[in-house]
Amino acid sequence: MRIYTYSEARNRLAEVLEESKREEVLIRRRRGDVFRVVPRLPKGSSPFAVPGVGTGVTRRELLAAIRESRRRPRRSRPA
């Protein structure tokens, strides 16, 4: 989390806005008021639209692992 003074934020507004996409940004006024800068999602974008994670596993390997796990007998749960 980064805290900027009002003057700093005003002078570096573009940088503050870009930084708010990566982490929480607060702007503090001289009187002590604190404001949080939060980017707004573009209309129509889903909150579930997140970048993928690189695993190095091919599609074929992933499908084979899923099929294998479905073939295994299920263990009964203890009561």
C-alpha atoms as a PDB file:
ATOM      1  CA  MET A   1       0.000   0.000   0.000  1.00  0.00           C
ATOM      2  CA  ARG A   2       1.304   3.432  -0.911  1.00  0.00           C
ATOM      3  CA  ILE A   3       0.280   6.708   0.713  1.00  0.00           C
ATOM      4  CA  TYR A   4       0.681   9.977  -1.182  1.00  0.00           C
ATOM      5  CA  THR A   5       0.183  13.497   0.052  1.00  0.00           C
ATOM      6  CA  TYR A   6      -2.359  15.539  -1.861  1.00  0.00           C
ATOM      7  CA  SER A   7       0.401  17.585  -3.512  1.00  0.00           C
ATOM      8  CA  GLU A   8       2.368  14.474  -4.529  1.00  0.00           C
ATOM      9  CA  ALA A   9      -0.741  12.846  -5.991  1.00  0.00           C
ATOM     10  CA  ARG A  10      -1.642  15.995  -7.921  1.00  0.00           C
ATOM     11  CA  ASN A  11       1.862  16.267  -9.409  1.00  0.00           C
ATOM     12  CA  ARG A  12       2.105  12.545 -10.268  1.00  0.00           C
ATOM     13  CA  LEU A  13      -1.532  11.770 -11.077  1.00  0.00           C
ATOM     14  CA  ALA A  14      -0.880   9.450 -14.048  1.00  0.00           C
ATOM     15  CA  GLU A  15       1.605   7.400 -12.014  1.00  0.00           C
ATOM     16  CA  VAL A  16      -0.780   7.240  -9.030  1.00  0.00           C
ATOM     17  CA  LEU A  17      -3.615   5.979 -11.241  1.00  0.00           C
ATOM     18  CA  GLU A  18      -1.437   3.291 -12.844  1.00  0.00           C
ATOM     19  CA  GLU A  19      -0.145   2.197  -9.442  1.00  0.00           C
ATOM     20  CA  SER A  20      -3.719   1.873  -8.156  1.00  0.00           C
ATOM     21  CA  LYS A  21      -4.234  -0.947 -10.677  1.00  0.00           C
ATOM     22  CA  ARG A  22      -1.525  -2.994  -8.921  1.00  0.00           C
ATOM     23  CA  GLU A  23      -1.956  -2.111  -5.259  1.00  0.00           C
ATOM     24  CA  GLU A  24      -3.958   0.015  -2.862  1.00  0.00           C
ATOM     25  CA  VAL A  25      -3.206   3.744  -3.077  1.00  0.00           C
ATOM     26  CA  LEU A  26      -4.205   6.289  -0.442  1.00  0.00           C
ATOM     27  CA  ILE A  27      -4.099  10.074  -0.687  1.00  0.00           C
ATOM     28  CA  ARG A  28      -3.830  12.026   2.556  1.00  0.00           C
ATOM     29  CA  ARG A  29      -4.753  15.683   2.880  1.00  0.00           C
ATOM     30  CA  ARG A  30      -3.082  18.052   5.274  1.00  0.00           C
ATOM     31  CA  ARG A  31      -6.186  18.052   7.536  1.00  0.00           C
ATOM     32  CA  GLY A  32      -5.916  14.283   7.892  1.00  0.00           C
ATOM     33  CA  ASP A  33      -8.646  13.224   5.456  1.00  0.00           C
ATOM     34  CA  VAL A  34      -7.666  10.014   3.656  1.00  0.00           C
ATOM     35  CA  PHE A  35      -9.011   8.881   0.277  1.00  0.00           C
ATOM     36  CA  ARG A  36      -8.546   5.535  -1.446  1.00  0.00           C
ATOM     37  CA  VAL A  37      -7.983   5.366  -5.213  1.00  0.00           C
ATOM     38  CA  VAL A  38      -9.764   2.353  -6.735  1.00  0.00           C
ATOM     39  CA  PRO A  39      -9.874   1.675 -10.494  1.00  0.00           C
ATOM     40  CA  ARG A  40     -13.330   1.046 -11.923  1.00  0.00           C
ATOM     41  CA  LEU A  41     -13.874  -2.011 -14.088  1.00  0.00           C
ATOM     42  CA  PRO A  42     -14.845  -1.249 -17.676  1.00  0.00           C
ATOM     43  CA  LYS A  43     -18.539  -1.856 -18.341  1.00  0.00           C
ATOM     44  CA  GLY A  44     -19.207  -5.370 -19.529  1.00  0.00           C
ATOM     45  CA  SER A  45     -16.061  -6.900 -18.077  1.00  0.00           C
ATOM     46  CA  SER A  46     -16.450  -9.797 -15.711  1.00  0.00           C
ATOM     47  CA  PRO A  47     -14.805  -9.850 -12.284  1.00  0.00           C
ATOM     48  CA  PHE A  48     -13.951 -13.469 -13.139  1.00  0.00           C
ATOM     49  CA  ALA A  49     -11.887 -12.446 -16.186  1.00  0.00           C
ATOM     50  CA  VAL A  50      -8.454 -13.055 -14.703  1.00  0.00           C
ATOM     51  CA  PRO A  51      -5.196 -13.882 -16.463  1.00  0.00           C
ATOM     52  CA  GLY A  52      -4.260 -17.539 -16.705  1.00  0.00           C
ATOM     53  CA  VAL A  53      -1.467 -19.248 -14.811  1.00  0.00           C
ATOM     54  CA  GLY A  54       1.368 -20.809 -16.783  1.00  0.00           C
ATOM     55  CA  THR A  55       1.911 -24.393 -15.597  1.00  0.00           C
ATOM     56  CA  GLY A  56       3.845 -25.915 -18.451  1.00  0.00           C
ATOM     57  CA  VAL A  57       1.209 -28.679 -18.707  1.00  0.00           C
ATOM     58  CA  THR A  58      -0.148 -29.394 -22.153  1.00  0.00           C
ATOM     59  CA  ARG A  59      -3.836 -29.717 -22.907  1.00  0.00           C
ATOM     60  CA  ARG A  60      -3.369 -33.409 -23.670  1.00  0.00           C
ATOM     61  CA  GLU A  61      -1.645 -34.023 -20.295  1.00  0.00           C
ATOM     62  CA  LEU A  62      -4.350 -32.153 -18.424  1.00  0.00           C
ATOM     63  CA  LEU A  63      -7.157 -34.093 -20.091  1.00  0.00           C
ATOM     64  CA  ALA A  64      -5.358 -37.393 -19.419  1.00  0.00           C
ATOM     65  CA  ALA A  65      -5.044 -36.501 -15.718  1.00  0.00           C
ATOM     66  CA  ILE A  66      -8.755 -35.654 -15.514  1.00  0.00           C
ATOM     67  CA  ARG A  67      -9.750 -38.907 -17.201  1.00  0.00           C
ATOM     68  CA  GLU A  68      -7.464 -40.911 -14.914  1.00  0.00           C
ATOM     69  CA  SER A  69      -8.903 -39.271 -11.792  1.00  0.00           C
ATOM     70  CA  ARG A  70     -12.438 -40.137 -12.948  1.00  0.00           C
ATOM     71  CA  ARG A  71     -11.510 -43.807 -13.378  1.00  0.00           C
ATOM     72  CA  ARG A  72     -10.288 -44.196  -9.793  1.00  0.00           C
ATOM     73  CA  PRO A  73     -12.743 -45.738  -7.344  1.00  0.00           C
ATOM     74  CA  ARG A  74     -14.130 -43.215  -4.886  1.00  0.00           C
ATOM     75  CA  ARG A  75     -13.345 -43.646  -1.226  1.00  0.00           C
ATOM     76  CA  SER A  76     -16.263 -43.559   1.163  1.00  0.00           C
ATOM     77  CA  ARG A  77     -16.293 -40.731   3.656  1.00  0.00           C
ATOM     78  CA  PRO A  78     -16.077 -41.529   7.359  1.00  0.00           C
ATOM     79  CA  ALA A  79     -19.299 -40.895   9.260  1.00  0.00           C
END
